[in-house]
Full PDB file with SEQRES, HELIX, SHEET, SSBOND, CRYST1, ORIGX, SCALE, CONECT and MASTER records, all heavy atoms in Angstrom:
SEQRES   1 A   39  HIS ASP ARG ALA ALA GLU ALA ALA LEU ARG PRO LEU LEU          
SEQRES   2 A   39  SER LEU THR GLY ALA ILE VAL THR ARG THR PHE ARG ALA          
SEQRES   3 A   39  VAL GLU VAL ASP GLY TRP ASP GLY HIS GLU ARG VAL LEU          
HELIX    1 AA1 ARG A    3  VAL A   38  1                                  36    
CRYST1    1.000    1.000    1.000  90.00  90.00  90.00 P 1           1          
ORIGX1      1.000000  0.000000  0.000000        0.00000                         
ORIGX2      0.000000  1.000000  0.000000        0.00000                         
ORIGX3      0.000000  0.000000  1.000000        0.00000                         
SCALE1      1.000000  0.000000  0.000000        0.00000                         
SCALE2      0.000000  1.000000  0.000000        0.00000                         
SCALE3      0.000000  0.000000  1.000000        0.00000                         
ATOM      1  N   HIS A   1      -5.842  12.339  -9.262  1.00  0.00           N  
ATOM      2  CA  HIS A   1      -5.896  13.175 -10.465  1.00  0.00           C  
ATOM      3  C   HIS A   1      -5.295  14.559 -10.220  1.00  0.00           C  
ATOM      4  O   HIS A   1      -5.872  15.586 -10.567  1.00  0.00           O  
ATOM      5  CB  HIS A   1      -7.322  13.267 -11.024  1.00  0.00           C  
ATOM      6  CG  HIS A   1      -7.806  11.950 -11.519  1.00  0.00           C  
ATOM      7  ND1 HIS A   1      -7.431  11.432 -12.738  1.00  0.00           N  
ATOM      8  CD2 HIS A   1      -8.598  11.012 -10.927  1.00  0.00           C  
ATOM      9  CE1 HIS A   1      -7.986  10.235 -12.897  1.00  0.00           C  
ATOM     10  NE2 HIS A   1      -8.698   9.957 -11.802  1.00  0.00           N  
ATOM     11  N   ASP A   2      -4.115  14.539  -9.606  1.00  0.00           N  
ATOM     12  CA  ASP A   2      -3.351  15.758  -9.351  1.00  0.00           C  
ATOM     13  C   ASP A   2      -1.881  15.356  -9.344  1.00  0.00           C  
ATOM     14  O   ASP A   2      -1.449  14.605  -8.473  1.00  0.00           O  
ATOM     15  CB  ASP A   2      -3.764  16.355  -8.002  1.00  0.00           C  
ATOM     16  CG  ASP A   2      -2.997  17.621  -7.667  1.00  0.00           C  
ATOM     17  OD1 ASP A   2      -1.760  17.535  -7.466  1.00  0.00           O  
ATOM     18  OD2 ASP A   2      -3.629  18.681  -7.594  1.00  0.00           O  
ATOM     19  N   ARG A   3      -1.134  15.854 -10.313  1.00  0.00           N  
ATOM     20  CA  ARG A   3       0.264  15.432 -10.468  1.00  0.00           C  
ATOM     21  C   ARG A   3       1.116  15.720  -9.236  1.00  0.00           C  
ATOM     22  O   ARG A   3       1.945  14.906  -8.850  1.00  0.00           O  
ATOM     23  CB  ARG A   3       0.885  16.073 -11.701  1.00  0.00           C  
ATOM     24  CG  ARG A   3       0.333  15.504 -12.986  1.00  0.00           C  
ATOM     25  CD  ARG A   3       1.157  16.011 -14.164  1.00  0.00           C  
ATOM     26  NE  ARG A   3       0.555  15.628 -15.407  1.00  0.00           N  
ATOM     27  CZ  ARG A   3       0.846  14.498 -16.054  1.00  0.00           C  
ATOM     28  NH1 ARG A   3       1.729  13.671 -15.556  1.00  0.00           N  
ATOM     29  NH2 ARG A   3       0.259  14.207 -17.193  1.00  0.00           N  
ATOM     30  N   ALA A   4       0.924  16.851  -8.612  1.00  0.00           N  
ATOM     31  CA  ALA A   4       1.723  17.185  -7.427  1.00  0.00           C  
ATOM     32  C   ALA A   4       1.413  16.210  -6.289  1.00  0.00           C  
ATOM     33  O   ALA A   4       2.320  15.728  -5.605  1.00  0.00           O  
ATOM     34  CB  ALA A   4       1.456  18.617  -6.990  1.00  0.00           C  
ATOM     35  N   ALA A   5       0.142  15.902  -6.090  1.00  0.00           N  
ATOM     36  CA  ALA A   5      -0.238  14.958  -5.033  1.00  0.00           C  
ATOM     37  C   ALA A   5       0.283  13.564  -5.350  1.00  0.00           C  
ATOM     38  O   ALA A   5       0.757  12.854  -4.460  1.00  0.00           O  
ATOM     39  CB  ALA A   5      -1.751  14.934  -4.867  1.00  0.00           C  
ATOM     40  N   GLU A   6       0.197  13.170  -6.615  1.00  0.00           N  
ATOM     41  CA  GLU A   6       0.738  11.860  -7.010  1.00  0.00           C  
ATOM     42  C   GLU A   6       2.229  11.799  -6.710  1.00  0.00           C  
ATOM     43  O   GLU A   6       2.719  10.795  -6.180  1.00  0.00           O  
ATOM     44  CB  GLU A   6       0.504  11.605  -8.499  1.00  0.00           C  
ATOM     45  CG  GLU A   6      -0.925  11.281  -8.862  1.00  0.00           C  
ATOM     46  CD  GLU A   6      -1.096  11.056 -10.352  1.00  0.00           C  
ATOM     47  OE1 GLU A   6      -0.259  10.356 -10.961  1.00  0.00           O  
ATOM     48  OE2 GLU A   6      -2.078  11.581 -10.913  1.00  0.00           O  
ATOM     49  N   ALA A   7       2.963  12.857  -7.028  1.00  0.00           N  
ATOM     50  CA  ALA A   7       4.402  12.882  -6.771  1.00  0.00           C  
ATOM     51  C   ALA A   7       4.690  12.797  -5.277  1.00  0.00           C  
ATOM     52  O   ALA A   7       5.642  12.129  -4.855  1.00  0.00           O  
ATOM     53  CB  ALA A   7       5.022  14.153  -7.356  1.00  0.00           C  
ATOM     54  N   ALA A   8       3.876  13.437  -4.474  1.00  0.00           N  
ATOM     55  CA  ALA A   8       4.065  13.386  -3.024  1.00  0.00           C  
ATOM     56  C   ALA A   8       3.803  11.981  -2.473  1.00  0.00           C  
ATOM     57  O   ALA A   8       4.379  11.590  -1.457  1.00  0.00           O  
ATOM     58  CB  ALA A   8       3.146  14.397  -2.342  1.00  0.00           C  
ATOM     59  N   LEU A   9       2.957  11.237  -3.140  1.00  0.00           N  
ATOM     60  CA  LEU A   9       2.631   9.880  -2.691  1.00  0.00           C  
ATOM     61  C   LEU A   9       3.708   8.854  -3.045  1.00  0.00           C  
ATOM     62  O   LEU A   9       3.759   7.793  -2.435  1.00  0.00           O  
ATOM     63  CB  LEU A   9       1.300   9.428  -3.302  1.00  0.00           C  
ATOM     64  CG  LEU A   9       0.052  10.080  -2.737  1.00  0.00           C  
ATOM     65  CD1 LEU A   9      -1.166   9.710  -3.589  1.00  0.00           C  
ATOM     66  CD2 LEU A   9      -0.166   9.658  -1.297  1.00  0.00           C  
ATOM     67  N   ARG A  10       4.556   9.142  -4.011  1.00  0.00           N  
ATOM     68  CA  ARG A  10       5.539   8.145  -4.474  1.00  0.00           C  
ATOM     69  C   ARG A  10       6.409   7.586  -3.354  1.00  0.00           C  
ATOM     70  O   ARG A  10       6.587   6.366  -3.278  1.00  0.00           O  
ATOM     71  CB  ARG A  10       6.413   8.717  -5.586  1.00  0.00           C  
ATOM     72  CG  ARG A  10       5.675   9.079  -6.835  1.00  0.00           C  
ATOM     73  CD  ARG A  10       5.079   7.881  -7.547  1.00  0.00           C  
ATOM     74  NE  ARG A  10       4.228   8.369  -8.634  1.00  0.00           N  
ATOM     75  CZ  ARG A  10       3.035   7.911  -8.898  1.00  0.00           C  
ATOM     76  NH1 ARG A  10       2.538   6.924  -8.201  1.00  0.00           N  
ATOM     77  NH2 ARG A  10       2.325   8.404  -9.884  1.00  0.00           N  
ATOM     78  N   PRO A  11       6.979   8.408  -2.459  1.00  0.00           N  
ATOM     79  CA  PRO A  11       7.802   7.824  -1.382  1.00  0.00           C  
ATOM     80  C   PRO A  11       6.990   6.882  -0.483  1.00  0.00           C  
ATOM     81  O   PRO A  11       7.485   5.847  -0.058  1.00  0.00           O  
ATOM     82  CB  PRO A  11       8.301   9.042  -0.598  1.00  0.00           C  
ATOM     83  CG  PRO A  11       8.220  10.168  -1.567  1.00  0.00           C  
ATOM     84  CD  PRO A  11       7.033   9.863  -2.449  1.00  0.00           C  
ATOM     85  N   LEU A  12       5.741   7.251  -0.213  1.00  0.00           N  
ATOM     86  CA  LEU A  12       4.882   6.388   0.601  1.00  0.00           C  
ATOM     87  C   LEU A  12       4.654   5.056  -0.110  1.00  0.00           C  
ATOM     88  O   LEU A  12       4.668   4.000   0.525  1.00  0.00           O  
ATOM     89  CB  LEU A  12       3.544   7.071   0.880  1.00  0.00           C  
ATOM     90  CG  LEU A  12       2.520   6.243   1.643  1.00  0.00           C  
ATOM     91  CD1 LEU A  12       3.049   5.867   3.028  1.00  0.00           C  
ATOM     92  CD2 LEU A  12       1.210   6.991   1.752  1.00  0.00           C  
ATOM     93  N   LEU A  13       4.479   5.089  -1.415  1.00  0.00           N  
ATOM     94  CA  LEU A  13       4.269   3.859  -2.168  1.00  0.00           C  
ATOM     95  C   LEU A  13       5.469   2.930  -2.036  1.00  0.00           C  
ATOM     96  O   LEU A  13       5.310   1.720  -1.875  1.00  0.00           O  
ATOM     97  CB  LEU A  13       3.997   4.164  -3.647  1.00  0.00           C  
ATOM     98  CG  LEU A  13       2.778   5.027  -3.944  1.00  0.00           C  
ATOM     99  CD1 LEU A  13       2.635   5.236  -5.446  1.00  0.00           C  
ATOM    100  CD2 LEU A  13       1.516   4.431  -3.368  1.00  0.00           C  
ATOM    101  N   SER A  14       6.659   3.499  -2.082  1.00  0.00           N  
ATOM    102  CA  SER A  14       7.866   2.686  -1.927  1.00  0.00           C  
ATOM    103  C   SER A  14       7.934   2.051  -0.545  1.00  0.00           C  
ATOM    104  O   SER A  14       8.269   0.873  -0.402  1.00  0.00           O  
ATOM    105  CB  SER A  14       9.114   3.534  -2.157  1.00  0.00           C  
ATOM    106  OG  SER A  14       9.142   4.001  -3.475  1.00  0.00           O  
ATOM    107  N   LEU A  15       7.621   2.825   0.467  1.00  0.00           N  
ATOM    108  CA  LEU A  15       7.656   2.299   1.833  1.00  0.00           C  
ATOM    109  C   LEU A  15       6.624   1.199   2.043  1.00  0.00           C  
ATOM    110  O   LEU A  15       6.906   0.190   2.686  1.00  0.00           O  
ATOM    111  CB  LEU A  15       7.421   3.422   2.839  1.00  0.00           C  
ATOM    112  CG  LEU A  15       8.531   4.442   2.985  1.00  0.00           C  
ATOM    113  CD1 LEU A  15       8.090   5.582   3.885  1.00  0.00           C  
ATOM    114  CD2 LEU A  15       9.787   3.784   3.525  1.00  0.00           C  
ATOM    115  N   THR A  16       5.433   1.385   1.510  1.00  0.00           N  
ATOM    116  CA  THR A  16       4.409   0.367   1.707  1.00  0.00           C  
ATOM    117  C   THR A  16       4.756  -0.902   0.936  1.00  0.00           C  
ATOM    118  O   THR A  16       4.406  -1.992   1.365  1.00  0.00           O  
ATOM    119  CB  THR A  16       3.007   0.871   1.333  1.00  0.00           C  
ATOM    120  OG1 THR A  16       3.019   1.311  -0.017  1.00  0.00           O  
ATOM    121  CG2 THR A  16       2.564   1.987   2.247  1.00  0.00           C  
ATOM    122  N   GLY A  17       5.457  -0.754  -0.184  1.00  0.00           N  
ATOM    123  CA  GLY A  17       5.917  -1.942  -0.902  1.00  0.00           C  
ATOM    124  C   GLY A  17       6.850  -2.770  -0.041  1.00  0.00           C  
ATOM    125  O   GLY A  17       6.782  -3.996  -0.015  1.00  0.00           O  
ATOM    126  N   ALA A  18       7.708  -2.095   0.708  1.00  0.00           N  
ATOM    127  CA  ALA A  18       8.612  -2.792   1.626  1.00  0.00           C  
ATOM    128  C   ALA A  18       7.831  -3.477   2.738  1.00  0.00           C  
ATOM    129  O   ALA A  18       8.158  -4.592   3.151  1.00  0.00           O  
ATOM    130  CB  ALA A  18       9.629  -1.816   2.204  1.00  0.00           C  
ATOM    131  N   ILE A  19       6.777  -2.821   3.206  1.00  0.00           N  
ATOM    132  CA  ILE A  19       5.945  -3.418   4.253  1.00  0.00           C  
ATOM    133  C   ILE A  19       5.274  -4.681   3.735  1.00  0.00           C  
ATOM    134  O   ILE A  19       5.230  -5.698   4.426  1.00  0.00           O  
ATOM    135  CB  ILE A  19       4.910  -2.403   4.778  1.00  0.00           C  
ATOM    136  CG1 ILE A  19       5.609  -1.288   5.555  1.00  0.00           C  
ATOM    137  CG2 ILE A  19       3.870  -3.101   5.655  1.00  0.00           C  
ATOM    138  CD1 ILE A  19       4.712  -0.123   5.918  1.00  0.00           C  
ATOM    139  N   VAL A  20       4.755  -4.638   2.510  1.00  0.00           N  
ATOM    140  CA  VAL A  20       4.106  -5.827   1.938  1.00  0.00           C  
ATOM    141  C   VAL A  20       5.080  -6.987   1.883  1.00  0.00           C  
ATOM    142  O   VAL A  20       4.742  -8.117   2.226  1.00  0.00           O  
ATOM    143  CB  VAL A  20       3.545  -5.537   0.523  1.00  0.00           C  
ATOM    144  CG1 VAL A  20       3.124  -6.811  -0.173  1.00  0.00           C  
ATOM    145  CG2 VAL A  20       2.377  -4.586   0.620  1.00  0.00           C  
ATOM    146  N   THR A  21       6.284  -6.714   1.465  1.00  0.00           N  
ATOM    147  CA  THR A  21       7.292  -7.766   1.378  1.00  0.00           C  
ATOM    148  C   THR A  21       7.537  -8.402   2.750  1.00  0.00           C  
ATOM    149  O   THR A  21       7.643  -9.617   2.866  1.00  0.00           O  
ATOM    150  CB  THR A  21       8.619  -7.190   0.823  1.00  0.00           C  
ATOM    151  OG1 THR A  21       8.353  -6.604  -0.449  1.00  0.00           O  
ATOM    152  CG2 THR A  21       9.661  -8.268   0.681  1.00  0.00           C  
ATOM    153  N   ARG A  22       7.561  -7.585   3.794  1.00  0.00           N  
ATOM    154  CA  ARG A  22       7.844  -8.089   5.144  1.00  0.00           C  
ATOM    155  C   ARG A  22       6.637  -8.721   5.814  1.00  0.00           C  
ATOM    156  O   ARG A  22       6.788  -9.506   6.736  1.00  0.00           O  
ATOM    157  CB  ARG A  22       8.362  -6.944   6.026  1.00  0.00           C  
ATOM    158  CG  ARG A  22       9.621  -6.338   5.453  1.00  0.00           C  
ATOM    159  CD  ARG A  22      10.766  -6.092   6.348  1.00  0.00           C  
ATOM    160  NE  ARG A  22      10.770  -6.642   7.656  1.00  0.00           N  
ATOM    161  CZ  ARG A  22      11.063  -5.957   8.741  1.00  0.00           C  
ATOM    162  NH1 ARG A  22      11.300  -4.671   8.660  1.00  0.00           N  
ATOM    163  NH2 ARG A  22      11.106  -6.537   9.909  1.00  0.00           N  
ATOM    164  N   THR A  23       5.430  -8.360   5.390  1.00  0.00           N  
ATOM    165  CA  THR A  23       4.228  -8.847   6.081  1.00  0.00           C  
ATOM    166  C   THR A  23       3.485  -9.928   5.315  1.00  0.00           C  
ATOM    167  O   THR A  23       2.488 -10.447   5.807  1.00  0.00           O  
ATOM    168  CB  THR A  23       3.242  -7.692   6.347  1.00  0.00           C  
ATOM    169  OG1 THR A  23       2.826  -7.118   5.107  1.00  0.00           O  
ATOM    170  CG2 THR A  23       3.857  -6.647   7.251  1.00  0.00           C  
ATOM    171  N   PHE A  24       3.928 -10.274   4.138  1.00  0.00           N  
ATOM    172  CA  PHE A  24       3.148 -11.168   3.283  1.00  0.00           C  
ATOM    173  C   PHE A  24       2.706 -12.434   4.010  1.00  0.00           C  
ATOM    174  O   PHE A  24       1.539 -12.796   3.999  1.00  0.00           O  
ATOM    175  CB  PHE A  24       3.920 -11.548   2.012  1.00  0.00           C  
ATOM    176  CG  PHE A  24       3.147 -12.511   1.162  1.00  0.00           C  
ATOM    177  CD1 PHE A  24       2.137 -12.050   0.348  1.00  0.00           C  
ATOM    178  CD2 PHE A  24       3.401 -13.872   1.202  1.00  0.00           C  
ATOM    179  CE1 PHE A  24       1.386 -12.925  -0.411  1.00  0.00           C  
ATOM    180  CE2 PHE A  24       2.660 -14.755   0.442  1.00  0.00           C  
ATOM    181  CZ  PHE A  24       1.654 -14.275  -0.380  1.00  0.00           C  
ATOM    182  N   ARG A  25       3.607 -13.115   4.625  1.00  0.00           N  
ATOM    183  CA  ARG A  25       3.268 -14.385   5.291  1.00  0.00           C  
ATOM    184  C   ARG A  25       2.331 -14.183   6.477  1.00  0.00           C  
ATOM    185  O   ARG A  25       1.508 -15.027   6.770  1.00  0.00           O  
ATOM    186  CB  ARG A  25       4.521 -15.119   5.742  1.00  0.00           C  
ATOM    187  CG  ARG A  25       5.377 -15.565   4.591  1.00  0.00           C  
ATOM    188  CD  ARG A  25       4.747 -16.737   3.877  1.00  0.00           C  
ATOM    189  NE  ARG A  25       5.579 -17.107   2.749  1.00  0.00           N  
ATOM    190  CZ  ARG A  25       5.107 -17.533   1.598  1.00  0.00           C  
ATOM    191  NH1 ARG A  25       3.820 -17.643   1.414  1.00  0.00           N  
ATOM    192  NH2 ARG A  25       5.912 -17.856   0.630  1.00  0.00           N  
ATOM    193  N   ALA A  26       2.464 -13.059   7.158  1.00  0.00           N  
ATOM    194  CA  ALA A  26       1.661 -12.822   8.358  1.00  0.00           C  
ATOM    195  C   ALA A  26       0.225 -12.429   8.024  1.00  0.00           C  
ATOM    196  O   ALA A  26      -0.694 -12.790   8.744  1.00  0.00           O  
ATOM    197  CB  ALA A  26       2.307 -11.738   9.211  1.00  0.00           C  
ATOM    198  N   VAL A  27       0.019 -11.685   6.943  1.00  0.00           N  
ATOM    199  CA  VAL A  27      -1.324 -11.176   6.670  1.00  0.00           C  
ATOM    200  C   VAL A  27      -1.993 -11.826   5.475  1.00  0.00           C  
ATOM    201  O   VAL A  27      -3.209 -11.918   5.435  1.00  0.00           O  
ATOM    202  CB  VAL A  27      -1.328  -9.636   6.504  1.00  0.00           C  
ATOM    203  CG1 VAL A  27      -0.897  -8.965   7.770  1.00  0.00           C  
ATOM    204  CG2 VAL A  27      -0.484  -9.202   5.347  1.00  0.00           C  
ATOM    205  N   GLU A  28      -1.217 -12.243   4.519  1.00  0.00           N  
ATOM    206  CA  GLU A  28      -1.713 -12.851   3.291  1.00  0.00           C  
ATOM    207  C   GLU A  28      -3.033 -12.250   2.844  1.00  0.00           C  
ATOM    208  O   GLU A  28      -3.099 -11.097   2.464  1.00  0.00           O  
ATOM    209  CB  GLU A  28      -1.782 -14.367   3.446  1.00  0.00           C  
ATOM    210  CG  GLU A  28      -0.405 -14.978   3.587  1.00  0.00           C  
ATOM    211  CD  GLU A  28      -0.406 -16.479   3.581  1.00  0.00           C  
ATOM    212  OE1 GLU A  28      -1.352 -17.077   3.056  1.00  0.00           O  
ATOM    213  OE2 GLU A  28       0.548 -17.056   4.108  1.00  0.00           O  
ATOM    214  N   VAL A  29      -4.105 -12.997   2.892  1.00  0.00           N  
ATOM    215  CA  VAL A  29      -5.382 -12.554   2.344  1.00  0.00           C  
ATOM    216  C   VAL A  29      -5.994 -11.428   3.177  1.00  0.00           C  
ATOM    217  O   VAL A  29      -6.652 -10.539   2.642  1.00  0.00           O  
ATOM    218  CB  VAL A  29      -6.356 -13.752   2.220  1.00  0.00           C  
ATOM    219  CG1 VAL A  29      -7.708 -13.300   1.733  1.00  0.00           C  
ATOM    220  CG2 VAL A  29      -5.775 -14.800   1.273  1.00  0.00           C  
ATOM    221  N   ASP A  30      -5.763 -11.401   4.480  1.00  0.00           N  
ATOM    222  CA  ASP A  30      -6.375 -10.380   5.336  1.00  0.00           C  
ATOM    223  C   ASP A  30      -6.019  -8.964   4.909  1.00  0.00           C  
ATOM    224  O   ASP A  30      -6.847  -8.055   5.017  1.00  0.00           O  
ATOM    225  CB  ASP A  30      -5.963 -10.582   6.798  1.00  0.00           C  
ATOM    226  CG  ASP A  30      -6.517 -11.860   7.381  1.00  0.00           C  
ATOM    227  OD1 ASP A  30      -7.532 -12.358   6.847  1.00  0.00           O  
ATOM    228  OD2 ASP A  30      -5.937 -12.358   8.356  1.00  0.00           O  
ATOM    229  N   GLY A  31      -4.828  -8.756   4.432  1.00  0.00           N  
ATOM    230  CA  GLY A  31      -4.426  -7.425   3.983  1.00  0.00           C  
ATOM    231  C   GLY A  31      -5.270  -6.932   2.826  1.00  0.00           C  
ATOM    232  O   GLY A  31      -5.572  -5.744   2.719  1.00  0.00           O  
ATOM    233  N   TRP A  32      -5.670  -7.845   1.973  1.00  0.00           N  
ATOM    234  CA  TRP A  32      -6.506  -7.473   0.834  1.00  0.00           C  
ATOM    235  C   TRP A  32      -7.896  -7.040   1.295  1.00  0.00           C  
ATOM    236  O   TRP A  32      -8.524  -6.204   0.657  1.00  0.00           O  
ATOM    237  CB  TRP A  32      -6.581  -8.611  -0.176  1.00  0.00           C  
ATOM    238  CG  TRP A  32      -5.232  -8.873  -0.768  1.00  0.00           C  
ATOM    239  CD1 TRP A  32      -4.421  -9.936  -0.510  1.00  0.00           C  
ATOM    240  CD2 TRP A  32      -4.511  -8.039  -1.677  1.00  0.00           C  
ATOM    241  NE1 TRP A  32      -3.241  -9.800  -1.198  1.00  0.00           N  
ATOM    242  CE2 TRP A  32      -3.274  -8.657  -1.926  1.00  0.00           C  
ATOM    243  CE3 TRP A  32      -4.794  -6.829  -2.299  1.00  0.00           C  
ATOM    244  CZ2 TRP A  32      -2.322  -8.095  -2.778  1.00  0.00           C  
ATOM    245  CZ3 TRP A  32      -3.852  -6.272  -3.140  1.00  0.00           C  
ATOM    246  CH2 TRP A  32      -2.620  -6.911  -3.373  1.00  0.00           C  
ATOM    247  N   ASP A  33      -8.356  -7.586   2.422  1.00  0.00           N  
ATOM    248  CA  ASP A  33      -9.645  -7.156   2.969  1.00  0.00           C  
ATOM    249  C   ASP A  33      -9.600  -5.678   3.336  1.00  0.00           C  
ATOM    250  O   ASP A  33     -10.570  -4.950   3.111  1.00  0.00           O  
ATOM    251  CB  ASP A  33     -10.023  -7.989   4.198  1.00  0.00           C  
ATOM    252  CG  ASP A  33     -10.349  -9.433   3.865  1.00  0.00           C  
ATOM    253  OD1 ASP A  33     -10.610  -9.743   2.678  1.00  0.00           O  
ATOM    254  OD2 ASP A  33     -10.341 -10.255   4.794  1.00  0.00           O  
ATOM    255  N   GLY A  34      -8.479  -5.230   3.871  1.00  0.00           N  
ATOM    256  CA  GLY A  34      -8.315  -3.812   4.195  1.00  0.00           C  
ATOM    257  C   GLY A  34      -8.401  -2.947   2.956  1.00  0.00           C  
ATOM    258  O   GLY A  34      -9.048  -1.896   2.953  1.00  0.00           O  
ATOM    259  N   HIS A  35      -7.770  -3.385   1.883  1.00  0.00           N  
ATOM    260  CA  HIS A  35      -7.842  -2.646   0.622  1.00  0.00           C  
ATOM    261  C   HIS A  35      -9.262  -2.637   0.074  1.00  0.00           C  
ATOM    262  O   HIS A  35      -9.712  -1.633  -0.477  1.00  0.00           O  
ATOM    263  CB  HIS A  35      -6.879  -3.243  -0.402  1.00  0.00           C  
ATOM    264  CG  HIS A  35      -5.443  -2.993  -0.077  1.00  0.00           C  
ATOM    265  ND1 HIS A  35      -4.903  -1.743   0.017  1.00  0.00           N  
ATOM    266  CD2 HIS A  35      -4.435  -3.851   0.198  1.00  0.00           C  
ATOM    267  CE1 HIS A  35      -3.622  -1.829   0.313  1.00  0.00           C  
ATOM    268  NE2 HIS A  35      -3.321  -3.104   0.443  1.00  0.00           N  
ATOM    269  N   GLU A  36      -9.953  -3.741   0.219  1.00  0.00           N  
ATOM    270  CA  GLU A  36     -11.334  -3.833  -0.260  1.00  0.00           C  
ATOM    271  C   GLU A  36     -12.224  -2.831   0.491  1.00  0.00           C  
ATOM    272  O   GLU A  36     -13.080  -2.176  -0.112  1.00  0.00           O  
ATOM    273  CB  GLU A  36     -11.863  -5.251  -0.067  1.00  0.00           C  
ATOM    274  CG  GLU A  36     -13.184  -5.505  -0.751  1.00  0.00           C  
ATOM    275  CD  GLU A  36     -13.092  -5.611  -2.253  1.00  0.00           C  
ATOM    276  OE1 GLU A  36     -12.194  -6.326  -2.751  1.00  0.00           O  
ATOM    277  OE2 GLU A  36     -13.915  -4.971  -2.943  1.00  0.00           O  
ATOM    278  N   ARG A  37     -12.008  -2.692   1.785  1.00  0.00           N  
ATOM    279  CA  ARG A  37     -12.789  -1.722   2.565  1.00  0.00           C  
ATOM    280  C   ARG A  37     -12.510  -0.290   2.095  1.00  0.00           C  
ATOM    281  O   ARG A  37     -13.426   0.529   1.994  1.00  0.00           O  
ATOM    282  CB  ARG A  37     -12.503  -1.882   4.060  1.00  0.00           C  
ATOM    283  CG  ARG A  37     -13.146  -3.130   4.655  1.00  0.00           C  
ATOM    284  CD  ARG A  37     -13.018  -3.180   6.168  1.00  0.00           C  
ATOM    285  NE  ARG A  37     -11.658  -3.403   6.637  1.00  0.00           N  
ATOM    286  CZ  ARG A  37     -11.094  -4.604   6.746  1.00  0.00           C  
ATOM    287  NH1 ARG A  37     -11.760  -5.702   6.422  1.00  0.00           N  
ATOM    288  NH2 ARG A  37      -9.857  -4.717   7.188  1.00  0.00           N  
ATOM    289  N   VAL A  38     -11.250   0.008   1.798  1.00  0.00           N  
ATOM    290  CA  VAL A  38     -10.914   1.339   1.276  1.00  0.00           C  
ATOM    291  C   VAL A  38     -11.611   1.551  -0.061  1.00  0.00           C  
ATOM    292  O   VAL A  38     -12.206   2.612  -0.306  1.00  0.00           O  
ATOM    293  CB  VAL A  38      -9.382   1.521   1.128  1.00  0.00           C  
ATOM    294  CG1 VAL A  38      -9.058   2.821   0.393  1.00  0.00           C  
ATOM    295  CG2 VAL A  38      -8.701   1.487   2.489  1.00  0.00           C  
ATOM    296  N   LEU A  39     -11.557   0.555  -0.918  1.00  0.00           N  
ATOM    297  CA  LEU A  39     -12.218   0.660  -2.224  1.00  0.00           C  
ATOM    298  C   LEU A  39     -13.715   0.902  -2.054  1.00  0.00           C  
ATOM    299  O   LEU A  39     -14.303   1.730  -2.763  1.00  0.00           O  
ATOM    300  CB  LEU A  39     -11.959  -0.599  -3.055  1.00  0.00           C  
ATOM    301  CG  LEU A  39     -12.614  -0.647  -4.439  1.00  0.00           C  
ATOM    302  CD1 LEU A  39     -12.208   0.545  -5.297  1.00  0.00           C  
ATOM    303  CD2 LEU A  39     -12.265  -1.963  -5.127  1.00  0.00           C  
TER     304      LEU A  39                                                      
MASTER        0    0    0    1    0    0    0    6  303    1    0    3          
END                                                                             
């Protein structure tokens, strides 16, 4: 809930999207467990 911080996060979001594409087969469901812990 801060526009400047959101804008700073955009490049990181792009990079992590690339990581998901490259890691999908290796982590599949396990990666979602990491997100669940953050949540």
